Amino acid sequence: MKNTLKLKNIFFDTETTSLNPGQIGELSYIIEGAQGIEESGNIFFKVDSVDEGAQKVHGFSVDDFDRLSNGITFKDRHIEMHDLFKDKRLVAHNVPFDIKFISSELWRCGISFQPLDRVCTMDFFKRVLKIPARSKRYGPYKNPKLSEVIDYYGLDTLKIAIYSEELFGTSERGQGYHDSRFDTAAMYVVTNVYRGLSSGNTDWLNTFKK
């Protein structure tokens, strides 16, 4: 979880049309170099359909994605998206899920994509929080939700939402869990809280704690 290695980190989250590799409707990202954040952005894409279950999670309909994207599809921006992710370390909460969608979208555009490196914050914080799993089939600890990591450190979701707006701009419906802007900002905050506490620096914790 350090930010001193040669590869730049790209912290990102997606809101998708299904659990299987369908389409990406929203993508938020933070590019981090050795000195901190170099770029952040949020992109909406026009999609063909949205599963009912997916819409219940993130709240975006087909019409929402069409309107917010101004009718721009992933294919329309696929070269830009490939350039955004190549040559970087991909960091996400449940990174295999998000990489699966990025790779599938690029594959449909004729590009084979495999990240150079990846970090799963869900897997990382599983070993930090050590929440007992109901079933021991996959190990003694459960995969923590991002909200559980936030609660573990006693962080204020309103402060994170304000930080998210600083990074990505305001949202017409407000920002919270399962909006990729909020989730990306929250993931970046908890990563830096952990980094700080590991080195005796409480600045990030003090900034975002309740």
N, C-alpha and C. Protein backbone atom coordinates (compact mmCIF):
# COMPACT_ATOMS: atom_id res chain seq x y z
N MET A 1 0.82 -1.22 0.00
CA MET A 1 0.00 0.00 0.00
C MET A 1 0.85 1.27 0.00
N LYS A 2 2.14 1.14 -0.27
CA LYS A 2 2.99 2.33 -0.32
C LYS A 2 2.86 3.00 -1.68
N ASN A 3 3.26 4.27 -1.75
CA ASN A 3 3.16 5.00 -3.01
C ASN A 3 4.52 5.45 -3.51
N THR A 4 5.55 4.65 -3.20
CA THR A 4 6.91 5.04 -3.56
C THR A 4 7.48 4.18 -4.68
N LEU A 5 6.72 3.20 -5.22
CA LEU A 5 7.23 2.34 -6.27
C LEU A 5 7.15 3.05 -7.62
N LYS A 6 7.82 2.48 -8.63
CA LYS A 6 7.94 3.14 -9.92
C LYS A 6 6.60 3.27 -10.63
N LEU A 7 5.78 2.25 -10.58
CA LEU A 7 4.49 2.32 -11.26
C LEU A 7 3.58 3.33 -10.57
N LYS A 8 2.86 4.10 -11.36
CA LYS A 8 1.84 4.96 -10.78
C LYS A 8 0.63 4.11 -10.40
N ASN A 9 -0.02 4.48 -9.32
CA ASN A 9 -1.25 3.81 -8.91
C ASN A 9 -2.45 4.49 -9.56
N ILE A 10 -3.42 3.70 -9.99
CA ILE A 10 -4.71 4.25 -10.39
C ILE A 10 -5.77 3.61 -9.50
N PHE A 11 -6.27 4.40 -8.56
CA PHE A 11 -7.38 3.99 -7.71
C PHE A 11 -8.65 4.22 -8.52
N PHE A 12 -9.51 3.21 -8.60
CA PHE A 12 -10.70 3.40 -9.43
C PHE A 12 -11.84 2.52 -8.96
N ASP A 13 -13.03 2.89 -9.41
CA ASP A 13 -14.24 2.11 -9.12
C ASP A 13 -15.18 2.27 -10.30
N THR A 14 -16.00 1.25 -10.51
CA THR A 14 -16.97 1.28 -11.60
C THR A 14 -18.37 1.00 -11.09
N GLU A 15 -19.36 1.55 -11.76
CA GLU A 15 -20.75 1.13 -11.59
C GLU A 15 -21.16 0.48 -12.90
N THR A 16 -21.69 -0.73 -12.82
CA THR A 16 -21.86 -1.55 -14.00
C THR A 16 -23.32 -1.94 -14.24
N THR A 17 -23.54 -2.60 -15.37
CA THR A 17 -24.90 -2.96 -15.75
C THR A 17 -25.34 -4.32 -15.22
N SER A 18 -24.38 -5.07 -14.66
CA SER A 18 -24.69 -6.41 -14.14
C SER A 18 -23.49 -6.91 -13.34
N LEU A 19 -23.64 -8.09 -12.74
CA LEU A 19 -22.52 -8.70 -12.02
C LEU A 19 -21.57 -9.39 -12.98
N ASN A 20 -22.09 -9.84 -14.11
CA ASN A 20 -21.26 -10.45 -15.15
C ASN A 20 -20.72 -9.36 -16.07
N PRO A 21 -19.69 -9.66 -16.86
CA PRO A 21 -19.12 -8.60 -17.69
C PRO A 21 -20.09 -8.06 -18.72
N GLY A 22 -20.92 -7.14 -18.28
CA GLY A 22 -21.77 -6.39 -19.17
C GLY A 22 -21.04 -5.12 -19.57
N GLN A 23 -21.60 -3.97 -19.19
CA GLN A 23 -21.00 -2.70 -19.56
C GLN A 23 -20.73 -1.85 -18.32
N ILE A 24 -19.83 -0.90 -18.48
CA ILE A 24 -19.53 0.08 -17.44
C ILE A 24 -20.36 1.33 -17.71
N GLY A 25 -21.10 1.77 -16.71
CA GLY A 25 -21.90 2.98 -16.85
C GLY A 25 -21.24 4.20 -16.23
N GLU A 26 -20.44 3.98 -15.20
CA GLU A 26 -19.73 5.08 -14.54
C GLU A 26 -18.36 4.60 -14.10
N LEU A 27 -17.36 5.43 -14.27
CA LEU A 27 -15.99 5.10 -13.87
C LEU A 27 -15.36 6.34 -13.24
N SER A 28 -14.81 6.16 -12.05
CA SER A 28 -14.10 7.24 -11.36
C SER A 28 -12.68 6.78 -11.08
N TYR A 29 -11.72 7.70 -11.11
CA TYR A 29 -10.34 7.30 -10.93
C TYR A 29 -9.51 8.42 -10.28
N ILE A 30 -8.46 7.99 -9.60
CA ILE A 30 -7.43 8.87 -9.04
C ILE A 30 -6.09 8.30 -9.46
N ILE A 31 -5.30 9.10 -10.16
CA ILE A 31 -3.95 8.67 -10.53
C ILE A 31 -2.98 9.25 -9.51
N GLU A 32 -2.18 8.37 -8.92
CA GLU A 32 -1.26 8.77 -7.86
C GLU A 32 0.18 8.45 -8.26
N GLY A 33 1.02 9.47 -8.21
CA GLY A 33 2.44 9.28 -8.39
C GLY A 33 3.15 9.32 -7.05
N ALA A 34 4.45 9.37 -7.08
CA ALA A 34 5.23 9.35 -5.85
C ALA A 34 4.94 10.54 -4.95
N GLN A 35 4.51 11.66 -5.54
CA GLN A 35 4.26 12.87 -4.75
C GLN A 35 2.79 13.09 -4.42
N GLY A 36 1.93 12.13 -4.79
CA GLY A 36 0.51 12.27 -4.47
C GLY A 36 -0.36 12.27 -5.71
N ILE A 37 -1.53 12.86 -5.61
CA ILE A 37 -2.50 12.83 -6.70
C ILE A 37 -2.03 13.69 -7.87
N GLU A 38 -2.03 13.08 -9.06
CA GLU A 38 -1.68 13.80 -10.28
C GLU A 38 -2.91 14.13 -11.13
N GLU A 39 -3.95 13.31 -11.00
CA GLU A 39 -5.15 13.52 -11.82
C GLU A 39 -6.30 12.75 -11.21
N SER A 40 -7.49 13.28 -11.36
CA SER A 40 -8.70 12.56 -10.95
C SER A 40 -9.79 12.87 -11.95
N GLY A 41 -10.73 11.93 -12.10
CA GLY A 41 -11.79 12.16 -13.06
C GLY A 41 -12.95 11.22 -12.87
N ASN A 42 -14.07 11.58 -13.46
CA ASN A 42 -15.29 10.77 -13.41
C ASN A 42 -15.92 10.78 -14.80
N ILE A 43 -16.29 9.59 -15.30
CA ILE A 43 -16.80 9.46 -16.66
C ILE A 43 -18.06 8.60 -16.64
N PHE A 44 -19.10 9.06 -17.33
CA PHE A 44 -20.29 8.26 -17.55
C PHE A 44 -20.32 7.76 -18.99
N PHE A 45 -20.94 6.58 -19.17
CA PHE A 45 -21.06 5.99 -20.50
C PHE A 45 -22.51 5.58 -20.78
N LYS A 46 -22.91 5.73 -22.01
CA LYS A 46 -24.20 5.22 -22.46
C LYS A 46 -24.14 3.70 -22.49
N VAL A 47 -25.17 3.02 -21.99
CA VAL A 47 -25.21 1.56 -21.96
C VAL A 47 -26.48 1.07 -22.64
N ASP A 48 -26.48 -0.22 -22.98
CA ASP A 48 -27.63 -0.80 -23.69
C ASP A 48 -28.77 -1.17 -22.74
N SER A 49 -28.41 -1.64 -21.55
CA SER A 49 -29.42 -2.06 -20.58
C SER A 49 -28.79 -2.11 -19.20
N VAL A 50 -29.62 -2.16 -18.16
CA VAL A 50 -29.15 -2.29 -16.78
C VAL A 50 -30.00 -3.35 -16.08
N ASP A 51 -29.35 -4.35 -15.52
CA ASP A 51 -30.08 -5.37 -14.77
C ASP A 51 -30.79 -4.72 -13.58
N GLU A 52 -31.94 -5.29 -13.23
CA GLU A 52 -32.71 -4.75 -12.11
C GLU A 52 -31.89 -4.75 -10.83
N GLY A 53 -31.15 -5.83 -10.59
CA GLY A 53 -30.35 -5.92 -9.37
C GLY A 53 -29.26 -4.86 -9.32
N ALA A 54 -28.62 -4.62 -10.46
CA ALA A 54 -27.57 -3.60 -10.51
C ALA A 54 -28.13 -2.22 -10.27
N GLN A 55 -29.30 -1.94 -10.84
CA GLN A 55 -29.91 -0.62 -10.65
C GLN A 55 -30.29 -0.40 -9.19
N LYS A 56 -30.73 -1.46 -8.50
CA LYS A 56 -31.07 -1.33 -7.09
C LYS A 56 -29.84 -0.98 -6.26
N VAL A 57 -28.67 -1.46 -6.69
CA VAL A 57 -27.44 -1.19 -5.95
C VAL A 57 -26.97 0.24 -6.16
N HIS A 58 -26.81 0.66 -7.44
CA HIS A 58 -26.22 1.98 -7.67
C HIS A 58 -27.24 3.08 -8.01
N GLY A 59 -28.45 2.69 -8.34
CA GLY A 59 -29.50 3.68 -8.54
C GLY A 59 -29.55 4.32 -9.91
N PHE A 60 -28.69 3.91 -10.84
CA PHE A 60 -28.66 4.51 -12.17
C PHE A 60 -29.45 3.65 -13.16
N SER A 61 -30.32 4.28 -13.92
CA SER A 61 -31.08 3.61 -14.97
C SER A 61 -30.40 3.79 -16.32
N VAL A 62 -30.91 3.11 -17.34
CA VAL A 62 -30.40 3.30 -18.70
C VAL A 62 -30.52 4.76 -19.10
N ASP A 63 -31.66 5.37 -18.79
CA ASP A 63 -31.87 6.78 -19.14
C ASP A 63 -30.89 7.70 -18.40
N ASP A 64 -30.61 7.36 -17.14
CA ASP A 64 -29.64 8.16 -16.38
C ASP A 64 -28.27 8.14 -17.05
N PHE A 65 -27.80 6.95 -17.39
CA PHE A 65 -26.48 6.83 -18.03
C PHE A 65 -26.46 7.53 -19.38
N ASP A 66 -27.57 7.44 -20.12
CA ASP A 66 -27.65 8.10 -21.43
C ASP A 66 -27.54 9.62 -21.27
N ARG A 67 -28.28 10.15 -20.30
CA ARG A 67 -28.29 11.60 -20.07
C ARG A 67 -26.94 12.09 -19.53
N LEU A 68 -26.40 11.40 -18.53
CA LEU A 68 -25.17 11.86 -17.88
C LEU A 68 -23.95 11.72 -18.79
N SER A 69 -24.01 10.79 -19.73
CA SER A 69 -22.90 10.57 -20.66
C SER A 69 -23.01 11.41 -21.92
N ASN A 70 -24.16 12.10 -22.08
CA ASN A 70 -24.43 12.81 -23.33
C ASN A 70 -24.38 11.86 -24.53
N GLY A 71 -24.77 10.60 -24.29
CA GLY A 71 -24.83 9.62 -25.36
C GLY A 71 -23.49 9.04 -25.79
N ILE A 72 -22.42 9.30 -25.03
CA ILE A 72 -21.08 8.80 -25.36
C ILE A 72 -20.90 7.40 -24.80
N THR A 73 -20.48 6.46 -25.63
CA THR A 73 -20.28 5.07 -25.19
C THR A 73 -18.82 4.84 -24.81
N PHE A 74 -18.58 3.70 -24.16
CA PHE A 74 -17.20 3.31 -23.84
C PHE A 74 -16.38 3.19 -25.12
N LYS A 75 -16.99 2.62 -26.16
CA LYS A 75 -16.28 2.44 -27.43
C LYS A 75 -15.82 3.78 -27.99
N ASP A 76 -16.63 4.80 -27.81
CA ASP A 76 -16.26 6.14 -28.30
C ASP A 76 -14.97 6.64 -27.65
N ARG A 77 -14.68 6.14 -26.44
CA ARG A 77 -13.51 6.64 -25.69
C ARG A 77 -12.54 5.53 -25.34
N HIS A 78 -12.60 4.40 -26.06
CA HIS A 78 -11.83 3.23 -25.62
C HIS A 78 -10.32 3.43 -25.71
N ILE A 79 -9.84 4.21 -26.67
CA ILE A 79 -8.39 4.47 -26.75
C ILE A 79 -7.95 5.26 -25.52
N GLU A 80 -8.74 6.26 -25.18
CA GLU A 80 -8.45 7.06 -23.98
C GLU A 80 -8.47 6.19 -22.72
N MET A 81 -9.44 5.26 -22.64
CA MET A 81 -9.55 4.40 -21.48
C MET A 81 -8.35 3.45 -21.40
N HIS A 82 -7.93 2.92 -22.54
CA HIS A 82 -6.75 2.04 -22.53
C HIS A 82 -5.51 2.81 -22.08
N ASP A 83 -5.34 4.02 -22.59
CA ASP A 83 -4.19 4.83 -22.19
C ASP A 83 -4.24 5.18 -20.70
N LEU A 84 -5.45 5.31 -20.17
CA LEU A 84 -5.61 5.65 -18.76
C LEU A 84 -5.10 4.53 -17.85
N PHE A 85 -5.35 3.28 -18.25
CA PHE A 85 -5.05 2.15 -17.37
C PHE A 85 -3.73 1.45 -17.67
N LYS A 86 -3.22 1.57 -18.87
CA LYS A 86 -1.98 0.85 -19.19
C LYS A 86 -0.81 1.43 -18.39
N ASP A 87 0.17 0.61 -18.14
CA ASP A 87 1.41 1.03 -17.47
C ASP A 87 1.18 1.56 -16.07
N LYS A 88 0.11 1.09 -15.41
CA LYS A 88 -0.16 1.52 -14.04
C LYS A 88 -0.51 0.32 -13.17
N ARG A 89 -0.42 0.53 -11.87
CA ARG A 89 -0.88 -0.46 -10.90
C ARG A 89 -2.34 -0.17 -10.61
N LEU A 90 -3.21 -1.13 -10.85
CA LEU A 90 -4.65 -0.94 -10.67
C LEU A 90 -5.03 -1.26 -9.23
N VAL A 91 -5.69 -0.32 -8.58
CA VAL A 91 -6.07 -0.46 -7.17
C VAL A 91 -7.58 -0.28 -7.08
N ALA A 92 -8.26 -1.30 -6.54
CA ALA A 92 -9.72 -1.22 -6.39
C ALA A 92 -10.15 -2.11 -5.23
N HIS A 93 -11.36 -1.83 -4.75
CA HIS A 93 -11.94 -2.65 -3.68
C HIS A 93 -12.70 -3.79 -4.36
N ASN A 94 -12.12 -4.98 -4.33
CA ASN A 94 -12.52 -6.13 -5.15
C ASN A 94 -12.02 -5.91 -6.58
N VAL A 95 -10.71 -5.79 -6.69
CA VAL A 95 -10.09 -5.44 -7.97
C VAL A 95 -10.35 -6.45 -9.08
N PRO A 96 -10.48 -7.76 -8.80
CA PRO A 96 -10.77 -8.68 -9.92
C PRO A 96 -12.07 -8.35 -10.64
N PHE A 97 -13.08 -7.91 -9.88
CA PHE A 97 -14.37 -7.56 -10.49
C PHE A 97 -14.21 -6.40 -11.46
N ASP A 98 -13.57 -5.33 -11.02
CA ASP A 98 -13.45 -4.14 -11.85
C ASP A 98 -12.53 -4.38 -13.05
N ILE A 99 -11.45 -5.13 -12.85
CA ILE A 99 -10.57 -5.45 -13.97
C ILE A 99 -11.31 -6.28 -15.01
N LYS A 100 -12.15 -7.19 -14.56
CA LYS A 100 -12.93 -8.03 -15.48
C LYS A 100 -13.77 -7.16 -16.41
N PHE A 101 -14.37 -6.10 -15.87
CA PHE A 101 -15.20 -5.23 -16.70
C PHE A 101 -14.36 -4.35 -17.61
N ILE A 102 -13.26 -3.81 -17.10
CA ILE A 102 -12.37 -3.01 -17.95
C ILE A 102 -11.85 -3.85 -19.11
N SER A 103 -11.39 -5.06 -18.80
CA SER A 103 -10.84 -5.95 -19.83
C SER A 103 -11.89 -6.33 -20.85
N SER A 104 -13.11 -6.60 -20.37
CA SER A 104 -14.19 -7.00 -21.29
C SER A 104 -14.59 -5.87 -22.21
N GLU A 105 -14.70 -4.65 -21.65
CA GLU A 105 -15.04 -3.50 -22.49
C GLU A 105 -13.96 -3.27 -23.55
N LEU A 106 -12.70 -3.36 -23.17
CA LEU A 106 -11.62 -3.15 -24.13
C LEU A 106 -11.56 -4.28 -25.15
N TRP A 107 -11.82 -5.51 -24.72
CA TRP A 107 -11.80 -6.65 -25.64
C TRP A 107 -12.86 -6.48 -26.72
N ARG A 108 -14.03 -5.97 -26.34
CA ARG A 108 -15.09 -5.74 -27.34
C ARG A 108 -14.70 -4.65 -28.33
N CYS A 109 -13.72 -3.84 -27.94
CA CYS A 109 -13.22 -2.79 -28.84
C CYS A 109 -11.95 -3.23 -29.57
N GLY A 110 -11.59 -4.50 -29.42
CA GLY A 110 -10.44 -5.04 -30.14
C GLY A 110 -9.11 -4.92 -29.45
N ILE A 111 -9.11 -4.64 -28.15
CA ILE A 111 -7.87 -4.49 -27.39
C ILE A 111 -7.80 -5.54 -26.29
N SER A 112 -6.71 -6.31 -26.26
CA SER A 112 -6.48 -7.27 -25.19
C SER A 112 -5.72 -6.57 -24.07
N PHE A 113 -6.29 -6.57 -22.88
CA PHE A 113 -5.70 -5.80 -21.77
C PHE A 113 -5.43 -6.69 -20.57
N GLN A 114 -4.21 -6.62 -20.07
CA GLN A 114 -3.83 -7.27 -18.82
C GLN A 114 -3.02 -6.26 -18.01
N PRO A 115 -3.44 -5.96 -16.78
CA PRO A 115 -2.69 -4.97 -15.99
C PRO A 115 -1.30 -5.46 -15.62
N LEU A 116 -0.37 -4.52 -15.50
CA LEU A 116 0.99 -4.87 -15.09
C LEU A 116 1.03 -5.30 -13.63
N ASP A 117 0.19 -4.69 -12.81
CA ASP A 117 0.15 -5.01 -11.38
C ASP A 117 -1.22 -4.60 -10.86
N ARG A 118 -1.60 -5.18 -9.73
CA ARG A 118 -2.90 -4.87 -9.14
C ARG A 118 -2.83 -4.97 -7.63
N VAL A 119 -3.68 -4.22 -6.96
CA VAL A 119 -3.83 -4.31 -5.50
C VAL A 119 -5.31 -4.32 -5.19
N CYS A 120 -5.73 -5.28 -4.40
CA CYS A 120 -7.12 -5.35 -3.98
C CYS A 120 -7.22 -4.83 -2.54
N THR A 121 -7.83 -3.67 -2.36
CA THR A 121 -7.94 -3.11 -1.01
C THR A 121 -8.88 -3.95 -0.14
N MET A 122 -9.83 -4.64 -0.74
CA MET A 122 -10.71 -5.51 0.04
C MET A 122 -9.90 -6.65 0.66
N ASP A 123 -9.05 -7.26 -0.14
CA ASP A 123 -8.21 -8.35 0.36
C ASP A 123 -7.19 -7.82 1.38
N PHE A 124 -6.63 -6.64 1.11
CA PHE A 124 -5.65 -6.06 2.01
C PHE A 124 -6.26 -5.78 3.38
N PHE A 125 -7.42 -5.11 3.39
CA PHE A 125 -8.02 -4.73 4.67
C PHE A 125 -8.70 -5.91 5.38
N LYS A 126 -8.90 -6.99 4.66
CA LYS A 126 -9.39 -8.20 5.33
C LYS A 126 -8.41 -8.63 6.42
N ARG A 127 -7.12 -8.48 6.14
CA ARG A 127 -6.08 -8.88 7.10
C ARG A 127 -5.86 -7.82 8.17
N VAL A 128 -6.39 -6.62 7.94
CA VAL A 128 -6.29 -5.55 8.94
C VAL A 128 -7.47 -5.62 9.90
N LEU A 129 -8.68 -5.72 9.36
CA LEU A 129 -9.88 -5.71 10.19
C LEU A 129 -10.11 -7.04 10.90
N LYS A 130 -9.79 -8.15 10.21
CA LYS A 130 -9.93 -9.50 10.78
C LYS A 130 -11.33 -9.75 11.33
N ILE A 131 -12.34 -9.47 10.50
CA ILE A 131 -13.72 -9.75 10.86
C ILE A 131 -13.98 -11.24 10.67
N PRO A 132 -14.39 -11.96 11.70
CA PRO A 132 -14.58 -13.41 11.56
C PRO A 132 -15.58 -13.75 10.45
N ALA A 133 -15.24 -14.72 9.63
CA ALA A 133 -16.12 -15.16 8.56
C ALA A 133 -17.16 -16.13 9.10
N ARG A 134 -18.36 -16.07 8.54
CA ARG A 134 -19.40 -17.01 8.95
C ARG A 134 -19.02 -18.43 8.55
N SER A 135 -18.43 -18.55 7.36
CA SER A 135 -17.95 -19.84 6.88
C SER A 135 -16.44 -19.77 6.75
N LYS A 136 -15.75 -20.82 7.13
CA LYS A 136 -14.29 -20.84 7.06
C LYS A 136 -13.79 -21.39 5.72
N ARG A 137 -14.71 -21.54 4.77
CA ARG A 137 -14.35 -22.14 3.48
C ARG A 137 -13.25 -21.37 2.78
N TYR A 138 -13.31 -20.01 2.87
CA TYR A 138 -12.33 -19.19 2.19
C TYR A 138 -11.39 -18.50 3.17
N GLY A 139 -11.27 -19.05 4.36
CA GLY A 139 -10.36 -18.49 5.35
C GLY A 139 -11.10 -17.99 6.58
N PRO A 140 -10.37 -17.60 7.60
CA PRO A 140 -10.99 -17.23 8.87
C PRO A 140 -11.67 -15.87 8.87
N TYR A 141 -11.34 -15.01 7.89
CA TYR A 141 -11.86 -13.65 7.92
C TYR A 141 -12.70 -13.35 6.68
N LYS A 142 -13.70 -12.51 6.84
CA LYS A 142 -14.56 -12.12 5.72
C LYS A 142 -13.94 -10.98 4.94
N ASN A 143 -14.36 -10.85 3.68
CA ASN A 143 -13.97 -9.70 2.89
C ASN A 143 -14.76 -8.48 3.36
N PRO A 144 -14.09 -7.45 3.86
CA PRO A 144 -14.83 -6.32 4.41
C PRO A 144 -15.41 -5.41 3.34
N LYS A 145 -16.62 -4.94 3.56
CA LYS A 145 -17.18 -3.91 2.72
C LYS A 145 -16.38 -2.62 2.95
N LEU A 146 -16.43 -1.74 1.97
CA LEU A 146 -15.76 -0.45 2.14
C LEU A 146 -16.32 0.30 3.34
N SER A 147 -17.62 0.18 3.56
CA SER A 147 -18.26 0.84 4.71
C SER A 147 -17.71 0.31 6.03
N GLU A 148 -17.35 -0.97 6.06
CA GLU A 148 -16.79 -1.56 7.29
C GLU A 148 -15.38 -1.03 7.56
N VAL A 149 -14.62 -0.78 6.50
CA VAL A 149 -13.29 -0.19 6.68
C VAL A 149 -13.41 1.24 7.19
N ILE A 150 -14.36 1.99 6.61
CA ILE A 150 -14.62 3.36 7.06
C ILE A 150 -14.99 3.37 8.55
N ASP A 151 -15.88 2.48 8.95
CA ASP A 151 -16.32 2.41 10.35
C ASP A 151 -15.18 1.98 11.27
N TYR A 152 -14.34 1.08 10.80
CA TYR A 152 -13.21 0.58 11.60
C TYR A 152 -12.30 1.73 12.02
N TYR A 153 -12.08 2.67 11.11
CA TYR A 153 -11.21 3.80 11.42
C TYR A 153 -11.97 5.00 12.00
N GLY A 154 -13.29 4.87 12.13
CA GLY A 154 -14.08 5.94 12.71
C GLY A 154 -14.14 7.19 11.85
N LEU A 155 -14.23 7.00 10.53
CA LEU A 155 -14.21 8.13 9.61
C LEU A 155 -15.62 8.65 9.34
N ASP A 156 -15.69 9.92 8.97
CA ASP A 156 -16.95 10.61 8.74
C ASP A 156 -17.29 10.56 7.25
N THR A 157 -18.41 9.91 6.90
CA THR A 157 -18.78 9.77 5.50
C THR A 157 -19.11 11.13 4.86
N LEU A 158 -19.61 12.08 5.64
CA LEU A 158 -19.89 13.40 5.10
C LEU A 158 -18.60 14.10 4.67
N LYS A 159 -17.57 13.97 5.49
CA LYS A 159 -16.28 14.57 5.14
C LYS A 159 -15.71 13.91 3.88
N ILE A 160 -15.91 12.60 3.76
CA ILE A 160 -15.43 11.90 2.56
C ILE A 160 -16.23 12.35 1.34
N ALA A 161 -17.54 12.56 1.51
CA ALA A 161 -18.38 13.03 0.41
C ALA A 161 -17.93 14.41 -0.07
N ILE A 162 -17.58 15.27 0.87
CA ILE A 162 -17.10 16.61 0.52
C ILE A 162 -15.77 16.51 -0.23
N TYR A 163 -14.90 15.63 0.23
CA TYR A 163 -13.62 15.40 -0.45
C TYR A 163 -13.85 14.85 -1.85
N SER A 164 -14.82 13.94 -1.97
CA SER A 164 -15.16 13.39 -3.28
C SER A 164 -15.62 14.48 -4.24
N GLU A 165 -16.42 15.42 -3.74
CA GLU A 165 -16.88 16.52 -4.58
C GLU A 165 -15.71 17.40 -5.01
N GLU A 166 -14.72 17.55 -4.14
CA GLU A 166 -13.53 18.33 -4.50
C GLU A 166 -12.76 17.65 -5.63
N LEU A 167 -12.74 16.32 -5.60
CA LEU A 167 -12.01 15.57 -6.62
C LEU A 167 -12.76 15.46 -7.93
N PHE A 168 -14.07 15.21 -7.85
CA PHE A 168 -14.84 14.81 -9.03
C PHE A 168 -15.97 15.76 -9.40
N GLY A 169 -16.26 16.75 -8.57
CA GLY A 169 -17.37 17.64 -8.83
C GLY A 169 -18.62 17.16 -8.10
N THR A 170 -19.63 17.99 -8.10
CA THR A 170 -20.86 17.68 -7.37
C THR A 170 -21.70 16.66 -8.12
N SER A 171 -22.53 15.97 -7.38
CA SER A 171 -23.46 15.00 -7.94
C SER A 171 -24.87 15.49 -7.73
N GLU A 172 -25.71 15.31 -8.73
CA GLU A 172 -27.08 15.81 -8.64
C GLU A 172 -27.89 15.09 -7.57
N ARG A 173 -27.47 13.90 -7.19
CA ARG A 173 -28.23 13.14 -6.20
C ARG A 173 -27.49 13.02 -4.87
N GLY A 174 -26.34 13.71 -4.74
CA GLY A 174 -25.53 13.54 -3.55
C GLY A 174 -24.68 12.31 -3.68
N GLN A 175 -23.60 12.24 -2.92
CA GLN A 175 -22.68 11.13 -3.06
C GLN A 175 -22.72 10.23 -1.83
N GLY A 176 -22.67 8.93 -2.08
CA GLY A 176 -22.65 7.94 -1.02
C GLY A 176 -22.16 6.63 -1.59
N TYR A 177 -22.19 5.59 -0.79
CA TYR A 177 -21.72 4.28 -1.24
C TYR A 177 -22.44 3.87 -2.52
N HIS A 178 -21.70 3.18 -3.39
CA HIS A 178 -22.19 2.69 -4.68
C HIS A 178 -22.40 3.81 -5.70
N ASP A 179 -21.78 4.94 -5.45
CA ASP A 179 -21.49 5.91 -6.50
C ASP A 179 -19.97 5.84 -6.64
N SER A 180 -19.49 5.59 -7.85
CA SER A 180 -18.06 5.32 -8.00
C SER A 180 -17.19 6.49 -7.55
N ARG A 181 -17.74 7.71 -7.59
CA ARG A 181 -16.99 8.86 -7.11
C ARG A 181 -16.72 8.75 -5.62
N PHE A 182 -17.76 8.49 -4.85
CA PHE A 182 -17.61 8.37 -3.40
C PHE A 182 -16.72 7.17 -3.05
N ASP A 183 -16.97 6.04 -3.70
CA ASP A 183 -16.22 4.82 -3.36
C ASP A 183 -14.74 4.98 -3.67
N THR A 184 -14.41 5.64 -4.77
CA THR A 184 -13.00 5.85 -5.11
C THR A 184 -12.34 6.79 -4.11
N ALA A 185 -13.03 7.87 -3.76
CA ALA A 185 -12.49 8.80 -2.77
C ALA A 185 -12.31 8.11 -1.42
N ALA A 186 -13.31 7.32 -1.01
CA ALA A 186 -13.23 6.62 0.27
C ALA A 186 -12.08 5.63 0.29
N MET A 187 -11.90 4.91 -0.81
CA MET A 187 -10.81 3.95 -0.90
C MET A 187 -9.46 4.64 -0.79
N TYR A 188 -9.34 5.80 -1.41
CA TYR A 188 -8.08 6.55 -1.34
C TYR A 188 -7.85 7.08 0.07
N VAL A 189 -8.90 7.52 0.72
CA VAL A 189 -8.78 8.03 2.09
C VAL A 189 -8.33 6.93 3.05
N VAL A 190 -8.99 5.77 3.02
CA VAL A 190 -8.63 4.71 3.97
C VAL A 190 -7.22 4.19 3.71
N THR A 191 -6.81 4.19 2.44
CA THR A 191 -5.44 3.78 2.12
C THR A 191 -4.45 4.73 2.76
N ASN A 192 -4.72 6.03 2.69
CA ASN A 192 -3.79 6.99 3.26
C ASN A 192 -3.88 7.06 4.78
N VAL A 193 -5.05 6.76 5.33
CA VAL A 193 -5.14 6.63 6.79
C VAL A 193 -4.23 5.49 7.25
N TYR A 194 -4.32 4.36 6.56
CA TYR A 194 -3.47 3.21 6.92
C TYR A 194 -1.99 3.56 6.74
N ARG A 195 -1.64 4.14 5.61
CA ARG A 195 -0.25 4.52 5.38
C ARG A 195 0.27 5.45 6.49
N GLY A 196 -0.56 6.43 6.83
CA GLY A 196 -0.14 7.38 7.85
C GLY A 196 0.07 6.74 9.20
N LEU A 197 -0.91 5.93 9.61
CA LEU A 197 -0.80 5.28 10.92
C LEU A 197 0.39 4.32 10.96
N SER A 198 0.72 3.72 9.83
CA SER A 198 1.85 2.78 9.78
C SER A 198 3.18 3.50 9.99
N SER A 199 3.20 4.81 9.69
CA SER A 199 4.44 5.57 9.84
C SER A 199 4.35 6.60 10.97
N GLY A 200 3.27 6.52 11.77
CA GLY A 200 3.11 7.43 12.90
C GLY A 200 2.54 8.79 12.54
N ASN A 201 1.99 8.93 11.33
CA ASN A 201 1.41 10.19 10.89
C ASN A 201 -0.12 10.08 10.94
N THR A 202 -0.75 10.96 11.70
CA THR A 202 -2.21 10.89 11.88
C THR A 202 -2.96 11.97 11.09
N ASP A 203 -2.31 12.62 10.15
CA ASP A 203 -2.93 13.73 9.43
C ASP A 203 -4.21 13.30 8.70
N TRP A 204 -4.14 12.20 7.94
CA TRP A 204 -5.33 11.75 7.21
C TRP A 204 -6.44 11.32 8.16
N LEU A 205 -6.06 10.63 9.21
CA LEU A 205 -7.05 10.20 10.20
C LEU A 205 -7.72 11.42 10.84
N ASN A 206 -6.94 12.40 11.26
CA ASN A 206 -7.49 13.57 11.91
C ASN A 206 -8.37 14.40 10.97
N THR A 207 -8.04 14.40 9.71
CA THR A 207 -8.81 15.18 8.72
C THR A 207 -10.20 14.58 8.50
N PHE A 208 -10.29 13.23 8.53
CA PHE A 208 -11.55 12.58 8.14
C PHE A 208 -12.28 11.86 9.27
N LYS A 209 -11.73 11.91 10.47
CA LYS A 209 -12.40 11.19 11.55
C LYS A 209 -13.67 11.94 11.99
N LYS A 210 -14.57 11.20 12.62
CA LYS A 210 -15.82 11.79 13.09
C LYS A 210 -15.55 12.76 14.23
